[in-house]
Protein backbone atom coordinates (compact mmCIF):
# COMPACT_ATOMS: atom_id res chain seq x y z
CA MET A 1 7.77 -46.63 -33.10
CA PRO A 2 8.17 -42.87 -33.60
CA ARG A 3 10.38 -40.88 -31.24
CA PRO A 4 9.01 -37.71 -29.77
CA MET A 5 10.51 -34.59 -31.30
CA LEU A 6 10.20 -32.54 -28.15
CA LYS A 7 11.79 -33.71 -25.01
CA ARG A 8 9.45 -33.31 -22.08
CA GLU A 9 11.23 -32.64 -18.87
CA SER A 10 9.73 -34.06 -15.78
CA LYS A 11 9.50 -31.43 -13.13
CA GLN A 12 10.42 -32.55 -9.68
CA GLU A 13 9.23 -30.73 -6.62
CA THR A 14 12.04 -28.98 -4.85
CA GLY A 15 10.61 -29.85 -1.49
CA SER A 16 10.06 -26.24 -0.52
CA LEU A 17 6.54 -25.34 0.44
CA SER A 18 5.35 -21.96 1.47
CA LEU A 19 4.59 -21.48 5.12
CA THR A 20 1.00 -20.73 4.21
CA SER A 21 0.48 -24.01 2.37
CA MET A 22 2.12 -25.96 5.16
CA THR A 23 0.24 -24.44 8.05
CA ARG A 24 -3.16 -23.56 6.67
CA LYS A 25 -5.52 -26.46 6.07
CA THR A 26 -8.66 -24.51 5.27
CA THR A 27 -8.41 -21.52 3.02
CA HIS A 28 -12.06 -20.51 2.58
CA LEU A 29 -13.60 -19.71 5.94
CA ASP A 30 -16.31 -17.11 6.23
CA PRO A 31 -16.02 -14.37 8.86
CA VAL A 32 -18.57 -16.08 11.14
CA GLU A 33 -16.50 -19.30 11.22
CA ILE A 34 -13.30 -17.34 11.87
CA ASP A 35 -15.00 -15.41 14.68
CA ALA A 36 -16.22 -18.67 16.27
CA MET A 37 -12.71 -20.18 16.15
CA LEU A 38 -11.14 -17.06 17.63
CA ARG A 39 -13.62 -17.16 20.55
CA LYS A 40 -12.31 -20.55 21.69
CA LYS A 41 -10.32 -20.79 24.92
CA ARG A 42 -6.55 -20.44 24.35
CA SER A 43 -4.17 -23.26 25.27
CA ALA A 44 -1.93 -23.03 28.33
CA ALA A 45 1.17 -23.25 26.07
CA TYR A 46 0.02 -20.28 23.99
CA VAL A 47 -0.83 -18.16 27.06
CA LYS A 48 2.54 -18.94 28.62
CA ALA A 49 4.43 -18.04 25.43
CA CYS A 50 2.61 -14.70 25.16
CA GLN A 51 3.15 -13.88 28.83
CA ASN A 52 6.91 -14.02 28.23
CA LEU A 53 6.86 -10.71 26.34
CA ASP A 54 8.51 -8.99 29.31
CA ALA A 55 11.15 -11.67 29.77
CA GLY A 56 13.72 -9.95 27.59
CA GLY A 57 13.68 -6.61 29.37
CA HIS A 58 14.23 -3.64 27.08
CA THR A 59 15.66 -5.84 24.36
CA THR A 60 14.20 -9.04 23.01
CA ASN A 61 15.92 -11.61 20.86
CA GLN A 62 14.48 -12.95 17.63
CA LYS A 63 14.30 -16.45 19.08
CA GLN A 64 11.76 -15.26 21.64
CA VAL A 65 9.71 -13.44 18.98
CA ALA A 66 9.77 -16.53 16.73
CA ALA A 67 8.59 -18.71 19.63
CA ILE A 68 5.63 -16.43 20.31
CA LEU A 69 4.66 -16.18 16.63
CA GLY A 70 5.05 -19.97 16.29
CA ALA A 71 2.73 -20.49 19.26
CA LEU A 72 0.20 -18.19 17.61
CA ARG A 73 0.35 -20.15 14.33
CA ASP A 74 0.02 -23.44 16.25
CA GLU A 75 -3.00 -22.09 18.12
CA PHE A 76 -4.86 -21.30 14.87
CA PRO A 77 -3.50 -23.57 12.11
CA GLU A 78 -6.67 -23.39 10.04
CA ILE A 79 -6.99 -19.60 10.00
CA GLU A 80 -4.96 -17.18 7.90
CA LEU A 81 -4.45 -14.33 10.39
CA ALA A 82 -2.52 -12.07 8.02
CA GLY A 83 -4.61 -9.01 7.31
CA ILE A 84 -6.89 -9.33 10.37
CA PHE A 85 -4.45 -9.76 13.29
CA LEU A 86 -2.68 -6.52 14.22
CA GLY A 87 -0.67 -7.65 17.24
CA LEU A 88 -0.56 -8.29 20.98
CA VAL A 89 -0.61 -5.72 23.77
CA SER A 90 -0.05 -6.41 27.46
CA LYS A 91 0.84 -4.69 30.69
CA CYS A 92 4.54 -3.99 31.00
CA TYR A 93 6.17 -4.95 34.29
CA LEU A 94 9.52 -3.25 33.64
CA GLY A 95 8.42 -0.41 35.91
CA ASP A 96 8.03 3.32 35.53
CA PRO A 97 7.90 4.94 32.96
CA TYR A 98 6.80 1.88 30.93
CA GLU A 99 3.09 1.06 30.78
CA VAL A 100 2.48 -1.53 28.04
CA HIS A 101 4.39 -3.53 25.47
CA THR A 102 3.39 -4.83 22.07
CA LEU A 103 4.24 -7.60 19.67
CA ASP A 104 4.00 -6.56 16.03
CA PRO A 105 3.68 -9.75 13.93
CA ALA A 106 4.51 -7.98 10.65
CA GLY A 107 7.75 -6.44 11.89
CA GLU A 108 8.38 -9.33 14.27
CA ILE A 109 9.37 -6.94 17.04
CA ILE A 110 8.46 -6.44 20.68
CA GLU A 111 8.43 -2.85 21.84
CA HIS A 112 7.88 -1.30 25.29
CA TYR A 113 5.89 1.94 25.48
CA LYS A 114 5.98 4.67 28.07
CA LYS A 115 2.86 6.30 29.52
CA GLY A 116 1.41 8.69 26.96
CA GLN A 117 3.48 7.31 24.07
CA SER A 118 1.10 6.29 21.26
CA LEU A 119 0.93 2.73 20.02
CA PRO A 120 1.21 2.19 16.26
CA GLY A 121 -0.92 0.33 13.74
CA GLY A 122 -4.30 0.20 15.46
CA LEU A 123 -2.92 -1.21 18.72
CA GLU A 124 -3.87 1.90 20.74
CA LYS A 125 -7.43 0.61 21.14
CA ALA A 126 -6.10 -2.15 23.43
CA ARG A 127 -3.94 0.06 25.64
CA HIS A 128 -6.46 0.70 28.42
CA LEU A 129 -7.41 -2.98 28.72
CA ALA A 130 -3.77 -4.04 28.80
CA ALA A 131 -2.66 -1.36 31.26
CA MET A 132 -5.30 -2.43 33.80
CA GLY A 133 -3.53 -5.79 34.13
CA SER A 134 -6.79 -7.73 34.48
CA TYR A 135 -5.91 -9.91 31.49
CA ALA A 136 -2.80 -11.87 30.54
CA PHE A 137 -2.67 -10.03 27.20
CA ILE A 138 -4.86 -8.53 24.49
CA GLU A 139 -5.01 -9.82 20.91
CA VAL A 140 -5.80 -6.93 18.58
CA TYR A 141 -7.70 -7.53 15.35
CA THR A 142 -9.00 -5.14 12.72
CA ASP A 143 -12.59 -5.45 14.01
CA CYS A 144 -12.13 -6.03 17.77
CA CYS A 145 -9.88 -6.83 20.70
CA ARG A 146 -9.83 -10.23 22.38
CA ALA A 147 -8.82 -10.03 26.01
CA ILE A 148 -7.16 -13.31 27.07
CA GLY A 149 -7.35 -14.32 30.72
CA GLU A 150 -4.67 -16.19 32.68
CA ASP A 151 -6.72 -19.36 32.20
CA GLY A 152 -7.02 -18.87 28.41
CA SER A 153 -10.58 -17.58 28.52
CA VAL A 154 -11.49 -15.07 25.80
CA SER A 155 -13.52 -11.88 26.16
CA VAL A 156 -14.37 -10.04 22.95
CA VAL A 157 -14.37 -6.24 23.09
CA LYS A 158 -15.82 -4.49 20.05
CA GLY A 159 -15.34 -0.87 19.18
């Protein structure tokens, strides 16, 4: 029997998968399906995690940021939010002069903003809703804001 001249190496998987392949089950959703999923009531665990934005005071540790971003990924495992989700904005309870605080998922930072200080990256459109304190927090997307109530209910605000 002839021996092969070229040795074929068998490639073994290293066991490392990208976060996207591990957490995203469906990759091809149309905008209408994504919108319908994002209109669903939020879980109590997710609402609680997002309400803890003020817990760290002026400084927030990375463990807290990771917990909030993990809760967000767990809430929407089938949707790739990168590119459409801009961040979270909510009323800041640290007291004067602070008005709102934000969570920037790209930079993985929580920042507190004073009255009149502009919010970066498209988050300004949620400032008024957040500052009123009528909602637990506001999810900001490229096309709209989703105001999340204490009970997880979702109100979509376009424009």
